[in-house]
Protein backbone atom coordinates (compact mmCIF):
# COMPACT_ATOMS: atom_id res chain seq x y z
CA MET A 1 3.15 -9.74 14.86
CA TYR A 2 6.54 -7.86 15.84
CA GLY A 3 9.36 -8.62 13.00
CA GLY A 4 7.08 -11.35 11.52
CA LEU A 5 6.16 -11.35 7.78
CA MET A 6 2.25 -10.77 6.91
CA ILE A 7 0.82 -12.24 3.37
CA LEU A 8 -2.23 -11.17 2.17
CA GLU A 9 -4.05 -12.46 -1.40
CA ARG A 10 -7.15 -11.28 -3.50
CA LYS A 11 -8.04 -12.86 -6.87
CA VAL A 12 -8.68 -10.16 -9.57
CA GLY A 13 -10.08 -12.08 -12.70
CA PRO A 14 -7.41 -14.58 -13.65
CA HIS A 15 -4.52 -13.73 -11.34
CA SER A 16 -4.11 -12.30 -7.63
CA ILE A 17 -2.79 -9.16 -6.07
CA PHE A 18 -0.21 -9.85 -3.68
CA LEU A 19 -0.06 -7.74 -0.35
CA GLU A 20 2.85 -8.32 2.00
CA ALA A 21 3.76 -6.43 5.46
CA LYS A 22 6.87 -6.53 7.59
CA ASP A 23 7.76 -4.49 10.33
CA ILE A 24 10.87 -3.13 10.39
CA GLY A 25 11.44 -1.78 14.32
CA LYS A 26 8.14 0.28 14.77
CA ASP A 27 7.95 1.16 11.10
CA LEU A 28 6.20 -0.94 8.22
CA LEU A 29 7.52 -2.07 5.00
CA VAL A 30 4.42 -2.67 2.46
CA THR A 31 4.60 -4.48 -0.91
CA ILE A 32 1.50 -4.63 -2.91
CA TYR A 33 2.09 -6.41 -5.99
CA GLY A 34 0.26 -8.88 -9.12
CA GLY A 35 -1.00 -9.61 -12.02
CA ASP A 36 0.54 -10.50 -15.26
CA GLU A 37 4.01 -9.53 -14.50
CA HIS A 38 5.29 -8.44 -11.07
CA HIS A 39 7.86 -5.06 -10.46
CA LEU A 40 8.27 -2.15 -8.91
CA GLY A 41 6.12 0.78 -10.49
CA GLY A 42 5.94 3.57 -7.75
CA VAL A 43 7.06 3.98 -3.82
CA SER A 44 5.58 5.92 -1.13
CA VAL A 45 6.78 7.07 1.90
CA ALA A 46 4.30 8.33 5.00
CA TYR A 47 4.83 9.65 8.07
CA GLU A 48 3.36 11.55 10.79
CA THR A 49 4.07 15.23 11.21
CA ARG A 50 2.83 17.83 13.68
CA SER A 51 1.37 20.76 11.50
CA HIS A 52 2.90 23.88 11.71
CA TYR A 53 -0.55 25.92 11.64
CA ARG A 54 -2.46 24.32 14.00
CA ASP A 55 -2.79 21.72 17.21
CA ALA A 56 -2.59 18.52 15.23
CA THR A 57 -0.95 15.84 13.35
CA THR A 58 -0.91 15.28 9.73
CA VAL A 59 0.26 12.54 7.51
CA SER A 60 3.15 13.88 5.10
CA VAL A 61 3.26 11.27 1.82
CA SER A 62 6.60 11.61 -0.83
CA THR A 63 6.20 9.31 -4.00
CA LEU A 64 8.08 8.55 -6.58
CA THR A 65 7.08 6.70 -9.73
CA PHE A 66 9.08 4.90 -12.34
CA PRO A 67 8.81 6.30 -15.74
CA GLY A 68 5.75 5.12 -17.60
CA HIS A 69 3.96 3.60 -14.36
CA LYS A 70 0.94 4.39 -12.88
CA ASP A 71 1.69 2.19 -9.79
CA TYR A 72 2.19 5.48 -7.46
CA LEU A 73 -1.28 6.53 -7.44
CA VAL A 74 -2.09 3.17 -5.34
CA ALA A 75 1.36 3.16 -3.31
CA ASN A 76 0.32 6.78 -2.47
CA SER A 77 -3.14 6.03 -1.19
CA ALA A 78 -2.01 3.05 0.47
CA ALA A 79 0.91 4.95 2.40
CA GLU A 80 -1.51 7.51 3.69
CA GLN A 81 -4.00 4.89 4.71
CA ILE A 82 -1.97 2.62 6.55
CA CYS A 83 0.06 5.45 7.97
CA LYS A 84 -2.99 7.43 9.55
CA ALA A 85 -4.91 4.25 10.68
CA LEU A 86 -1.86 2.78 12.20
CA GLN A 87 0.06 6.00 13.32
CA ARG A 88 3.19 4.15 11.83
CA SER A 89 5.75 5.20 9.49
CA VAL A 90 5.19 3.47 6.22
CA VAL A 91 7.23 2.31 3.02
CA VAL A 92 4.53 1.36 0.01
CA THR A 93 5.85 -0.11 -3.08
CA THR A 94 3.70 -1.16 -5.73
CA GLY A 95 4.26 -3.15 -9.04
CA ILE A 96 0.91 -4.58 -10.84
CA HIS A 97 0.12 -5.12 -14.65
CA TYR A 98 -2.62 -6.70 -16.12
CA ASP A 99 -2.13 -6.93 -20.41
CA LYS A 100 -4.56 -5.25 -21.88
CA ALA A 101 -6.15 -4.37 -18.69
CA THR A 102 -9.58 -2.37 -19.56
CA LYS A 103 -11.22 0.25 -17.26
CA GLY A 104 -13.39 -2.79 -15.17
CA ASP A 105 -10.11 -4.21 -14.78
CA ILE A 106 -8.42 -1.18 -13.32
CA GLU A 107 -11.81 -0.82 -11.22
CA ASN A 108 -11.34 -4.49 -9.92
CA ILE A 109 -7.51 -4.06 -9.08
CA ILE A 110 -8.06 -0.74 -7.13
CA GLU A 111 -10.95 -2.59 -5.06
CA ALA A 112 -9.07 -5.55 -4.62
CA VAL A 113 -5.71 -3.34 -3.22
CA ASN A 114 -8.25 -1.22 -0.85
CA TRP A 115 -9.33 -4.17 0.22
CA LEU A 116 -6.02 -5.74 0.92
CA VAL A 117 -5.01 -2.43 2.85
CA LYS A 118 -7.90 -2.61 5.09
CA GLU A 119 -7.27 -6.15 6.14
CA LEU A 120 -3.97 -5.02 7.02
CA ILE A 121 -4.98 -1.91 9.04
CA VAL A 122 -7.43 -4.10 10.71
CA HIS A 123 -5.09 -7.21 12.05
CA TYR A 124 -2.63 -4.80 12.96
CA GLN A 125 -5.12 -2.65 14.89
CA LYS A 126 -6.37 -5.96 16.64
CA ALA A 127 -2.60 -6.79 17.43
CA GLU A 128 -2.31 -3.15 19.18
């Protein structure tokens, strides 16, 4: 799916969480959003780097967050997982908001995002 756009969806309660992925050359741009209000809450960049201390490749992640948002936690985790599995640089933006979300709602949202990320990884691994 080089150059194409992939869109995945997972229902969580009354709303959907979406994951969109687009190839940008050899890199990957991923947007995760949904709920009552779509927005940009966090951005993470992940890339492979050689370890200075041992003969190994590691994943470095840099994350930015918009004030008052916790979306960076999802962006950070997703970026690291995708980069590690696909060995590609990735930028992940996230913005998920559910009005009056309970602890259970948040757990369900995180579970849905993890499912979407795994589906993305599996799709790209099959395409290689």
